[in-house]
Amino acid sequence: MPNISNNQPSRKPEPEKEIPQTGQRREIFRVFVVISNIGLVMFFSIITGFFIGIWLDKIFRKDYIFLIVFIIAGICAGFYQCYRILKKELNI
């Protein structure tokens, strides 16, 4: 007869989660580091282009010309650096 006094529903025991081997952990960590590195490279390339563009627009009193040019340059530089990172990691 089931235990009626216990208000909690009975649960099936959860299977134990398989812990990745040391080599798998390193590989997962390495992939995480590469992805984080790519994100940071893109972010800082664009932000650097943004601030250089703002600074040059203030110096030369232009209406966002340098800002647009350097943001585009930052995006291009970021993609190029990401290409180099992936090329190095994938051994191409």
Protein backbone atom coordinates (compact mmCIF):
# COMPACT_ATOMS: atom_id res chain seq x y z
CA MET A 1 0.00 0.00 0.00
CA PRO A 2 1.45 3.43 -0.93
CA ASN A 3 2.40 5.90 1.75
CA ILE A 4 -0.52 8.37 1.77
CA SER A 5 0.76 10.53 4.64
CA ASN A 6 3.62 11.87 2.52
CA ASN A 7 2.30 14.80 0.46
CA GLN A 8 5.26 14.85 -1.91
CA PRO A 9 4.90 12.95 -5.16
CA SER A 10 7.24 10.05 -5.52
CA ARG A 11 10.09 10.65 -7.91
CA LYS A 12 12.03 8.23 -9.94
CA PRO A 13 15.67 8.16 -8.98
CA GLU A 14 17.69 10.30 -11.37
CA PRO A 15 20.45 8.52 -13.21
CA GLU A 16 23.91 9.67 -12.26
CA LYS A 17 25.31 12.22 -14.65
CA GLU A 18 28.35 11.03 -16.47
CA ILE A 19 31.37 13.15 -15.60
CA PRO A 20 33.45 13.97 -18.68
CA GLN A 21 36.97 12.61 -18.75
CA THR A 22 39.88 14.96 -18.15
CA GLY A 23 40.67 15.20 -21.86
CA GLN A 24 37.05 16.01 -22.66
CA ARG A 25 36.99 18.68 -19.97
CA ARG A 26 40.09 20.29 -21.42
CA GLU A 27 38.60 20.25 -24.90
CA ILE A 28 35.34 21.80 -23.66
CA PHE A 29 37.30 24.46 -21.77
CA ARG A 30 39.50 25.15 -24.81
CA VAL A 31 36.45 25.62 -27.05
CA PHE A 32 34.88 27.92 -24.45
CA VAL A 33 38.08 30.01 -24.32
CA VAL A 34 38.23 30.31 -28.12
CA ILE A 35 34.58 31.39 -28.35
CA SER A 36 35.07 33.90 -25.53
CA ASN A 37 38.19 35.21 -27.22
CA ILE A 38 36.32 35.73 -30.50
CA GLY A 39 33.56 37.63 -28.71
CA LEU A 40 36.00 39.87 -26.88
CA VAL A 41 38.02 40.57 -30.03
CA MET A 42 34.89 41.63 -31.92
CA PHE A 43 33.65 43.76 -29.04
CA PHE A 44 36.91 45.61 -28.44
CA SER A 45 37.62 46.11 -32.16
CA ILE A 46 34.27 47.81 -32.67
CA ILE A 47 34.52 49.85 -29.45
CA THR A 48 38.03 50.99 -30.36
CA GLY A 49 36.81 52.09 -33.80
CA PHE A 50 33.89 53.89 -32.16
CA PHE A 51 36.05 55.92 -29.78
CA ILE A 52 38.69 56.75 -32.40
CA GLY A 53 35.91 57.90 -34.75
CA ILE A 54 34.32 60.11 -32.06
CA TRP A 55 37.71 61.57 -31.17
CA LEU A 56 38.56 62.41 -34.80
CA ASP A 57 35.10 63.88 -35.41
CA LYS A 58 35.65 66.23 -32.46
CA ILE A 59 39.10 67.25 -33.69
CA PHE A 60 38.09 67.89 -37.32
CA ARG A 61 34.52 69.01 -36.51
CA LYS A 62 32.89 66.55 -38.89
CA ASP A 63 29.40 65.09 -38.59
CA TYR A 64 30.04 61.43 -37.79
CA ILE A 65 32.12 60.76 -40.92
CA PHE A 66 35.08 59.37 -39.01
CA LEU A 67 32.78 57.53 -36.61
CA ILE A 68 31.17 55.57 -39.43
CA VAL A 69 34.49 54.90 -41.15
CA PHE A 70 36.21 53.66 -38.00
CA ILE A 71 33.29 51.53 -36.85
CA ILE A 72 33.37 49.79 -40.24
CA ALA A 73 37.16 49.49 -39.92
CA GLY A 74 36.72 48.03 -36.43
CA ILE A 75 34.23 45.46 -37.73
CA CYS A 76 36.60 44.48 -40.54
CA ALA A 77 39.55 44.26 -38.14
CA GLY A 78 37.48 42.17 -35.74
CA PHE A 79 36.47 39.70 -38.46
CA TYR A 80 40.08 39.47 -39.64
CA GLN A 81 41.30 38.72 -36.12
CA CYS A 82 38.55 36.12 -35.66
CA TYR A 83 39.66 34.50 -38.92
CA ARG A 84 43.24 34.38 -37.64
CA ILE A 85 42.15 32.88 -34.31
CA LEU A 86 40.05 30.19 -35.98
CA LYS A 87 42.79 29.47 -38.51
CA LYS A 88 45.25 28.94 -35.67
CA GLU A 89 42.86 26.79 -33.61
CA LEU A 90 41.72 24.64 -36.53
CA ASN A 91 45.30 24.25 -37.85
CA ILE A 92 44.39 25.34 -41.36
